[in-house]
């Protein structure tokens, strides 16, 4: 099951590898590492880190936000952003309340803005924009105490925050799923994107 195969962690004390390995051993599966949890940490998600790159067959791995190389790629063996030819693939970005934050709609919108800011950092560093995003998938926790509204309220908040980042009239496909858990306890929604951004637009 897809949702069981997703691995997640929360930044903070750097005990994530031990915690994650215990989960991995318990579940006994090969996880698809697919989340960027810095969206739940305000001081990290609000700023773009020094962009670094690793060449890969047909493209590169891009590190655009703090901690992506050390805490994700090196420790957990997954990339937050990877270009493959003309496509840019972004791992899921979690949005949820940091310690002391509210769970109402207004607070959730702020948490979504952090997530979309982190996504924007990765897109920019990859030579793409939100207008280049062709696929959006969002995985909403519908049984979480971290949001006081229902699934519909999450969707409305997503739409309203998206309009702050996307170009009007240029929208991706969107699949929104209601689930009953994420790996990280504070997650309300995880957002994953794919962008089409040709390296040589003149040829397309």
C-alpha atoms as a PDB file:
ATOM      1  CA  UNK A   1       0.000   0.000   0.000  1.00  0.00           C
ATOM      2  CA  UNK A   2       1.452   3.326  -1.029  1.00  0.00           C
ATOM      3  CA  UNK A   3       0.823   5.134   2.228  1.00  0.00           C
ATOM      4  CA  UNK A   4       2.493   2.410   4.276  1.00  0.00           C
ATOM      5  CA  UNK A   5       5.606   2.682   2.142  1.00  0.00           C
ATOM      6  CA  UNK A   6       6.218   6.363   2.774  1.00  0.00           C
ATOM      7  CA  UNK A   7       8.875   7.253   5.328  1.00  0.00           C
ATOM      8  CA  UNK A   8       8.869  10.570   7.142  1.00  0.00           C
ATOM      9  CA  UNK A   9      10.812  12.313   9.820  1.00  0.00           C
ATOM     10  CA  UNK A  10      10.708  15.497  11.839  1.00  0.00           C
ATOM     11  CA  UNK A  11      13.731  17.730  12.066  1.00  0.00           C
ATOM     12  CA  UNK A  12      15.116  18.733  15.406  1.00  0.00           C
ATOM     13  CA  UNK A  13      17.359  16.512  17.494  1.00  0.00           C
ATOM     14  CA  UNK A  14      19.336  14.492  15.007  1.00  0.00           C
ATOM     15  CA  UNK A  15      18.082  11.112  16.127  1.00  0.00           C
ATOM     16  CA  UNK A  16      16.099  10.578  12.953  1.00  0.00           C
ATOM     17  CA  UNK A  17      18.257   7.757  11.587  1.00  0.00           C
ATOM     18  CA  UNK A  18      17.840   5.592  14.684  1.00  0.00           C
ATOM     19  CA  UNK A  19      14.118   6.337  14.864  1.00  0.00           C
ATOM     20  CA  UNK A  20      13.645   5.671  11.182  1.00  0.00           C
ATOM     21  CA  UNK A  21      15.600   2.441  11.220  1.00  0.00           C
ATOM     22  CA  UNK A  22      13.454   1.094  14.046  1.00  0.00           C
ATOM     23  CA  UNK A  23      10.380   1.838  11.960  1.00  0.00           C
ATOM     24  CA  UNK A  24      11.936   0.262   8.924  1.00  0.00           C
ATOM     25  CA  UNK A  25      12.805  -2.895  10.816  1.00  0.00           C
ATOM     26  CA  UNK A  26       9.309  -3.071  12.283  1.00  0.00           C
ATOM     27  CA  UNK A  27       7.543  -2.714   8.964  1.00  0.00           C
ATOM     28  CA  UNK A  28      10.086  -4.867   7.138  1.00  0.00           C
ATOM     29  CA  UNK A  29       9.666  -3.126   3.780  1.00  0.00           C
ATOM     30  CA  UNK A  30      11.728  -1.051   1.401  1.00  0.00           C
ATOM     31  CA  UNK A  31      10.470   2.467   1.968  1.00  0.00           C
ATOM     32  CA  UNK A  32       9.993   5.081  -0.733  1.00  0.00           C
ATOM     33  CA  UNK A  33      11.607   8.069   0.920  1.00  0.00           C
ATOM     34  CA  UNK A  34       9.351  10.850  -0.272  1.00  0.00           C
ATOM     35  CA  UNK A  35       8.935  13.713   2.116  1.00  0.00           C
ATOM     36  CA  UNK A  36      10.509  17.047   2.902  1.00  0.00           C
ATOM     37  CA  UNK A  37       9.614  17.808   6.527  1.00  0.00           C
ATOM     38  CA  UNK A  38      11.250  21.204   6.790  1.00  0.00           C
ATOM     39  CA  UNK A  39       7.809  22.649   6.053  1.00  0.00           C
ATOM     40  CA  UNK A  40       6.975  22.115   9.730  1.00  0.00           C
ATOM     41  CA  UNK A  41      10.011  24.105  10.884  1.00  0.00           C
ATOM     42  CA  UNK A  42       9.474  27.828  10.244  1.00  0.00           C
ATOM     43  CA  UNK A  43      13.060  29.087  10.342  1.00  0.00           C
ATOM     44  CA  UNK A  44      14.156  26.450   7.825  1.00  0.00           C
ATOM     45  CA  UNK A  45      11.348  26.603   5.307  1.00  0.00           C
ATOM     46  CA  UNK A  46      11.285  30.391   5.117  1.00  0.00           C
ATOM     47  CA  UNK A  47      14.748  30.677   3.621  1.00  0.00           C
ATOM     48  CA  UNK A  48      16.496  29.177   0.657  1.00  0.00           C
ATOM     49  CA  UNK A  49      19.735  27.430   1.430  1.00  0.00           C
ATOM     50  CA  UNK A  50      22.885  27.488  -0.639  1.00  0.00           C
ATOM     51  CA  UNK A  51      22.014  25.588  -3.803  1.00  0.00           C
ATOM     52  CA  UNK A  52      24.222  22.590  -4.457  1.00  0.00           C
ATOM     53  CA  UNK A  53      23.958  19.937  -7.167  1.00  0.00           C
ATOM     54  CA  UNK A  54      24.978  16.360  -7.809  1.00  0.00           C
ATOM     55  CA  UNK A  55      25.215  15.121 -11.415  1.00  0.00           C
ATOM     56  CA  UNK A  56      23.045  12.092 -12.198  1.00  0.00           C
ATOM     57  CA  UNK A  57      22.356  10.127 -15.394  1.00  0.00           C
ATOM     58  CA  UNK A  58      20.243  12.436 -17.543  1.00  0.00           C
ATOM     59  CA  UNK A  59      20.115  15.250 -15.033  1.00  0.00           C
ATOM     60  CA  UNK A  60      21.004  16.183 -11.472  1.00  0.00           C
ATOM     61  CA  UNK A  61      19.889  16.168  -7.853  1.00  0.00           C
ATOM     62  CA  UNK A  62      19.230  19.671  -6.520  1.00  0.00           C
ATOM     63  CA  UNK A  63      19.529  20.758  -2.884  1.00  0.00           C
ATOM     64  CA  UNK A  64      17.774  24.100  -2.436  1.00  0.00           C
ATOM     65  CA  UNK A  65      16.644  24.095   1.186  1.00  0.00           C
ATOM     66  CA  UNK A  66      18.623  23.725   4.422  1.00  0.00           C
ATOM     67  CA  UNK A  67      19.373  20.161   5.449  1.00  0.00           C
ATOM     68  CA  UNK A  68      18.300  18.479   2.221  1.00  0.00           C
ATOM     69  CA  UNK A  69      21.685  16.955   1.467  1.00  0.00           C
ATOM     70  CA  UNK A  70      22.817  15.938   4.934  1.00  0.00           C
ATOM     71  CA  UNK A  71      19.489  14.929   6.485  1.00  0.00           C
ATOM     72  CA  UNK A  72      17.752  13.504   3.429  1.00  0.00           C
ATOM     73  CA  UNK A  73      20.110  12.466   0.668  1.00  0.00           C
ATOM     74  CA  UNK A  74      23.056  11.339   2.792  1.00  0.00           C
ATOM     75  CA  UNK A  75      21.135   9.955   5.778  1.00  0.00           C
ATOM     76  CA  UNK A  76      17.973   8.617   4.132  1.00  0.00           C
ATOM     77  CA  UNK A  77      18.995   7.981   0.525  1.00  0.00           C
ATOM     78  CA  UNK A  78      16.405  10.118  -1.205  1.00  0.00           C
ATOM     79  CA  UNK A  79      16.414  13.395  -3.121  1.00  0.00           C
ATOM     80  CA  UNK A  80      14.106  16.305  -2.372  1.00  0.00           C
ATOM     81  CA  UNK A  81      14.378  17.434  -6.014  1.00  0.00           C
ATOM     82  CA  UNK A  82      15.737  15.671  -9.055  1.00  0.00           C
ATOM     83  CA  UNK A  83      15.855  16.713 -12.683  1.00  0.00           C
ATOM     84  CA  UNK A  84      15.608  13.958 -15.305  1.00  0.00           C
ATOM     85  CA  UNK A  85      15.866  15.435 -18.771  1.00  0.00           C
ATOM     86  CA  UNK A  86      13.150  18.041 -19.155  1.00  0.00           C
ATOM     87  CA  UNK A  87      11.227  16.941 -16.072  1.00  0.00           C
ATOM     88  CA  UNK A  88      11.744  17.962 -12.446  1.00  0.00           C
ATOM     89  CA  UNK A  89      10.492  15.596  -9.755  1.00  0.00           C
ATOM     90  CA  UNK A  90       9.898  16.901  -6.244  1.00  0.00           C
ATOM     91  CA  UNK A  91       9.564  14.625  -3.231  1.00  0.00           C
ATOM     92  CA  UNK A  92       6.590  15.202  -0.967  1.00  0.00           C
ATOM     93  CA  UNK A  93       6.679  18.287   1.255  1.00  0.00           C
ATOM     94  CA  UNK A  94       4.817  18.099   4.544  1.00  0.00           C
ATOM     95  CA  UNK A  95       2.753  20.901   6.033  1.00  0.00           C
ATOM     96  CA  UNK A  96       1.665  20.868   9.651  1.00  0.00           C
ATOM     97  CA  UNK A  97       1.896  22.847  12.876  1.00  0.00           C
ATOM     98  CA  UNK A  98       5.246  23.502  14.439  1.00  0.00           C
ATOM     99  CA  UNK A  99       5.377  23.485  18.222  1.00  0.00           C
ATOM    100  CA  UNK A 100       3.022  26.064  19.656  1.00  0.00           C
ATOM    101  CA  UNK A 101       1.178  26.780  16.413  1.00  0.00           C
ATOM    102  CA  UNK A 102      -2.577  26.643  16.033  1.00  0.00           C
ATOM    103  CA  UNK A 103      -4.722  24.094  14.265  1.00  0.00           C
ATOM    104  CA  UNK A 104      -7.356  26.378  12.793  1.00  0.00           C
ATOM    105  CA  UNK A 105      -7.699  27.312   9.132  1.00  0.00           C
ATOM    106  CA  UNK A 106      -5.654  30.508   9.433  1.00  0.00           C
ATOM    107  CA  UNK A 107      -2.754  28.643  11.055  1.00  0.00           C
ATOM    108  CA  UNK A 108      -2.985  25.874   8.466  1.00  0.00           C
ATOM    109  CA  UNK A 109      -2.718  28.416   5.661  1.00  0.00           C
ATOM    110  CA  UNK A 110       0.516  29.676   7.196  1.00  0.00           C
ATOM    111  CA  UNK A 111       1.837  26.129   7.332  1.00  0.00           C
ATOM    112  CA  UNK A 112       0.880  25.619   3.698  1.00  0.00           C
ATOM    113  CA  UNK A 113       2.738  28.816   2.760  1.00  0.00           C
ATOM    114  CA  UNK A 114       5.875  27.423   4.381  1.00  0.00           C
ATOM    115  CA  UNK A 115       5.512  24.251   2.347  1.00  0.00           C
ATOM    116  CA  UNK A 116       4.918  26.107  -0.914  1.00  0.00           C
ATOM    117  CA  UNK A 117       7.871  28.381  -0.189  1.00  0.00           C
ATOM    118  CA  UNK A 118      10.122  25.331   0.174  1.00  0.00           C
ATOM    119  CA  UNK A 119       8.663  23.904  -3.033  1.00  0.00           C
ATOM    120  CA  UNK A 120       9.267  27.219  -4.793  1.00  0.00           C
ATOM    121  CA  UNK A 121      12.900  27.161  -3.676  1.00  0.00           C
ATOM    122  CA  UNK A 122      13.359  23.722  -5.245  1.00  0.00           C
ATOM    123  CA  UNK A 123      11.587  24.702  -8.447  1.00  0.00           C
ATOM    124  CA  UNK A 124      13.642  27.870  -8.866  1.00  0.00           C
ATOM    125  CA  UNK A 125      16.905  26.038  -8.248  1.00  0.00           C
ATOM    126  CA  UNK A 126      15.829  23.445 -10.821  1.00  0.00           C
ATOM    127  CA  UNK A 127      15.161  26.040 -13.505  1.00  0.00           C
ATOM    128  CA  UNK A 128      11.382  25.773 -13.163  1.00  0.00           C
ATOM    129  CA  UNK A 129       8.442  27.777 -11.840  1.00  0.00           C
ATOM    130  CA  UNK A 130       5.004  26.939 -10.499  1.00  0.00           C
ATOM    131  CA  UNK A 131       3.684  27.540 -14.014  1.00  0.00           C
ATOM    132  CA  UNK A 132       5.790  24.573 -15.151  1.00  0.00           C
ATOM    133  CA  UNK A 133       4.191  22.166 -12.685  1.00  0.00           C
ATOM    134  CA  UNK A 134       2.151  19.595 -14.600  1.00  0.00           C
ATOM    135  CA  UNK A 135       1.161  17.267 -11.766  1.00  0.00           C
ATOM    136  CA  UNK A 136       0.186  17.957  -8.169  1.00  0.00           C
ATOM    137  CA  UNK A 137      -0.687  15.287  -5.640  1.00  0.00           C
ATOM    138  CA  UNK A 138      -1.726  16.028  -2.079  1.00  0.00           C
ATOM    139  CA  UNK A 139      -2.192  13.502   0.712  1.00  0.00           C
ATOM    140  CA  UNK A 140      -4.455  14.880   3.435  1.00  0.00           C
ATOM    141  CA  UNK A 141      -4.676  13.401   6.906  1.00  0.00           C
ATOM    142  CA  UNK A 142      -8.408  13.387   7.599  1.00  0.00           C
ATOM    143  CA  UNK A 143      -8.149  12.075  11.160  1.00  0.00           C
ATOM    144  CA  UNK A 144      -5.466  14.318  12.573  1.00  0.00           C
ATOM    145  CA  UNK A 145      -5.792  16.432  15.734  1.00  0.00           C
ATOM    146  CA  UNK A 146      -3.425  18.912  14.060  1.00  0.00           C
ATOM    147  CA  UNK A 147      -6.251  20.491  12.046  1.00  0.00           C
ATOM    148  CA  UNK A 148      -9.582  21.506  13.526  1.00  0.00           C
ATOM    149  CA  UNK A 149     -11.485  21.449  10.220  1.00  0.00           C
ATOM    150  CA  UNK A 150     -12.532  18.673   7.884  1.00  0.00           C
ATOM    151  CA  UNK A 151     -11.217  17.413   4.533  1.00  0.00           C
ATOM    152  CA  UNK A 152     -13.210  19.992   2.601  1.00  0.00           C
ATOM    153  CA  UNK A 153     -11.735  22.798   4.698  1.00  0.00           C
ATOM    154  CA  UNK A 154      -8.237  21.513   3.910  1.00  0.00           C
ATOM    155  CA  UNK A 155      -9.010  21.553   0.193  1.00  0.00           C
ATOM    156  CA  UNK A 156     -10.399  25.089   0.303  1.00  0.00           C
ATOM    157  CA  UNK A 157      -7.309  26.287   2.183  1.00  0.00           C
ATOM    158  CA  UNK A 158      -5.067  24.543  -0.365  1.00  0.00           C
ATOM    159  CA  UNK A 159      -6.839  26.233  -3.265  1.00  0.00           C
ATOM    160  CA  UNK A 160      -6.610  29.660  -1.640  1.00  0.00           C
ATOM    161  CA  UNK A 161      -2.907  29.334  -0.822  1.00  0.00           C
ATOM    162  CA  UNK A 162      -2.117  27.896  -4.251  1.00  0.00           C
ATOM    163  CA  UNK A 163      -3.449  31.064  -5.863  1.00  0.00           C
ATOM    164  CA  UNK A 164      -0.731  33.004  -4.037  1.00  0.00           C
ATOM    165  CA  UNK A 165       1.989  30.988  -5.775  1.00  0.00           C
ATOM    166  CA  UNK A 166       0.603  29.797  -9.099  1.00  0.00           C
ATOM    167  CA  UNK A 167       0.119  31.830 -12.245  1.00  0.00           C
ATOM    168  CA  UNK A 168      -3.548  32.545 -12.832  1.00  0.00           C
ATOM    169  CA  UNK A 169      -4.967  30.355 -15.574  1.00  0.00           C
ATOM    170  CA  UNK A 170      -1.989  27.955 -15.661  1.00  0.00           C
ATOM    171  CA  UNK A 171      -2.748  25.009 -13.410  1.00  0.00           C
ATOM    172  CA  UNK A 172      -1.473  21.429 -13.054  1.00  0.00           C
ATOM    173  CA  UNK A 173      -3.474  18.263 -12.791  1.00  0.00           C
ATOM    174  CA  UNK A 174      -4.374  17.668  -9.147  1.00  0.00           C
ATOM    175  CA  UNK A 175      -5.197  14.502  -7.238  1.00  0.00           C
ATOM    176  CA  UNK A 176      -6.144  14.994  -3.576  1.00  0.00           C
ATOM    177  CA  UNK A 177      -6.383  11.915  -1.356  1.00  0.00           C
ATOM    178  CA  UNK A 178      -7.817  11.611   2.138  1.00  0.00           C
ATOM    179  CA  UNK A 179      -5.723   9.289   4.318  1.00  0.00           C
ATOM    180  CA  UNK A 180      -5.671   8.323   7.975  1.00  0.00           C
ATOM    181  CA  UNK A 181      -2.006   8.841   8.874  1.00  0.00           C
ATOM    182  CA  UNK A 182       1.407  10.167   7.927  1.00  0.00           C
ATOM    183  CA  UNK A 183       4.755   9.078   9.293  1.00  0.00           C
ATOM    184  CA  UNK A 184       5.337  12.418  11.022  1.00  0.00           C
ATOM    185  CA  UNK A 185       2.898  12.965  13.855  1.00  0.00           C
ATOM    186  CA  UNK A 186       2.317  16.652  13.141  1.00  0.00           C
ATOM    187  CA  UNK A 187       1.612  16.362   9.409  1.00  0.00           C
ATOM    188  CA  UNK A 188      -1.703  17.555   8.028  1.00  0.00           C
ATOM    189  CA  UNK A 189      -0.928  17.291   4.310  1.00  0.00           C
ATOM    190  CA  UNK A 190       1.949  16.171   2.110  1.00  0.00           C
ATOM    191  CA  UNK A 191       2.383  17.842  -1.284  1.00  0.00           C
ATOM    192  CA  UNK A 192       4.201  16.264  -4.218  1.00  0.00           C
ATOM    193  CA  UNK A 193       4.829  17.797  -7.661  1.00  0.00           C
ATOM    194  CA  UNK A 194       6.255  17.088 -11.098  1.00  0.00           C
ATOM    195  CA  UNK A 195       7.280  19.944 -13.401  1.00  0.00           C
ATOM    196  CA  UNK A 196       8.026  20.042 -17.118  1.00  0.00           C
ATOM    197  CA  UNK A 197      10.769  22.582 -17.702  1.00  0.00           C
ATOM    198  CA  UNK A 198      12.847  21.928 -20.848  1.00  0.00           C
ATOM    199  CA  UNK A 199      16.514  22.828 -20.554  1.00  0.00           C
ATOM    200  CA  UNK A 200      16.404  24.088 -24.135  1.00  0.00           C
ATOM    201  CA  UNK A 201      12.896  25.505 -24.693  1.00  0.00           C
ATOM    202  CA  UNK A 202      13.776  26.563 -28.261  1.00  0.00           C
ATOM    203  CA  UNK A 203      13.769  22.897 -29.297  1.00  0.00           C
ATOM    204  CA  UNK A 204      10.272  22.280 -27.940  1.00  0.00           C
END
